[in-house]
C-alpha cells in the first residue's frame, strides 16, 4: 500500500463500528482524528518496517 492508503487504513480502523447522528458529527470526528495525528504518528503509519529491516541487514547498518 502507498502511504496515503496506509493513513486511510489507520483512520478506517478507528472509524469501524462508529455511528454518527449526522454528517457534522462525522466531520468533527474526522477533523479531530486527523488533527491528533502528528508527524511522528504519520511516519510510524507509513514507514515500511519490512523494507527497513532488509536494508539494514543487507548493508549491516
Protein backbone atom coordinates (compact mmCIF):
# COMPACT_ATOMS: atom_id res chain seq x y z
CA UNK A 1 0.00 0.00 0.00
CA UNK A 2 1.16 3.51 -0.66
CA UNK A 3 1.47 5.97 2.27
CA UNK A 4 -1.92 7.62 1.61
CA UNK A 5 -3.64 4.24 1.66
CA UNK A 6 -1.89 3.39 4.91
CA UNK A 7 -3.15 6.60 6.55
CA UNK A 8 -6.70 5.88 5.34
CA UNK A 9 -6.42 2.34 6.70
CA UNK A 10 -5.40 3.77 10.10
CA UNK A 11 -8.43 6.10 10.05
CA UNK A 12 -10.81 3.35 8.90
CA UNK A 13 -9.75 1.12 11.80
CA UNK A 14 -10.80 3.85 14.22
CA UNK A 15 -14.00 4.51 12.27
CA UNK A 16 -15.15 0.89 12.36
CA UNK A 17 -18.45 0.34 14.19
CA UNK A 18 -18.92 4.04 14.95
CA UNK A 19 -22.22 5.71 14.26
CA UNK A 20 -22.91 9.40 13.93
CA UNK A 21 -26.25 11.13 14.23
CA UNK A 22 -25.44 13.49 11.39
CA UNK A 23 -22.78 14.47 8.87
CA UNK A 24 -21.50 17.32 11.05
CA UNK A 25 -20.61 14.90 13.86
CA UNK A 26 -18.81 12.68 11.37
CA UNK A 27 -16.85 15.65 10.03
CA UNK A 28 -15.99 16.74 13.56
CA UNK A 29 -14.75 13.25 14.47
CA UNK A 30 -12.68 13.06 11.28
CA UNK A 31 -11.20 16.51 11.88
CA UNK A 32 -10.24 15.60 15.46
CA UNK A 33 -8.76 12.28 14.36
CA UNK A 34 -6.65 13.91 11.67
CA UNK A 35 -5.63 16.75 13.98
CA UNK A 36 -4.39 14.27 16.57
CA UNK A 37 -2.01 12.73 14.05
CA UNK A 38 1.34 14.46 14.46
CA UNK A 39 4.28 13.97 12.10
CA UNK A 40 5.68 11.10 14.16
CA UNK A 41 2.37 9.22 14.01
CA UNK A 42 2.18 9.64 10.23
CA UNK A 43 5.79 8.48 9.90
CA UNK A 44 5.10 5.40 12.00
CA UNK A 45 1.99 4.53 9.98
CA UNK A 46 3.61 4.99 6.59
CA UNK A 47 7.05 3.55 7.21
CA UNK A 48 7.60 0.10 5.85
CA UNK A 49 9.42 -1.84 8.54
CA UNK A 50 9.85 -4.85 6.24
CA UNK A 51 11.95 -2.86 3.76
CA UNK A 52 13.83 -1.12 6.53
CA UNK A 53 14.74 -4.50 8.07
CA UNK A 54 16.01 -5.81 4.72
CA UNK A 55 18.00 -2.63 4.11
CA UNK A 56 19.68 -2.75 7.50
CA UNK A 57 20.53 -6.44 7.19
CA UNK A 58 21.96 -6.11 3.68
CA UNK A 59 24.03 -3.03 4.46
CA UNK A 60 24.73 -4.03 8.08
CA UNK A 61 23.63 -0.64 9.34
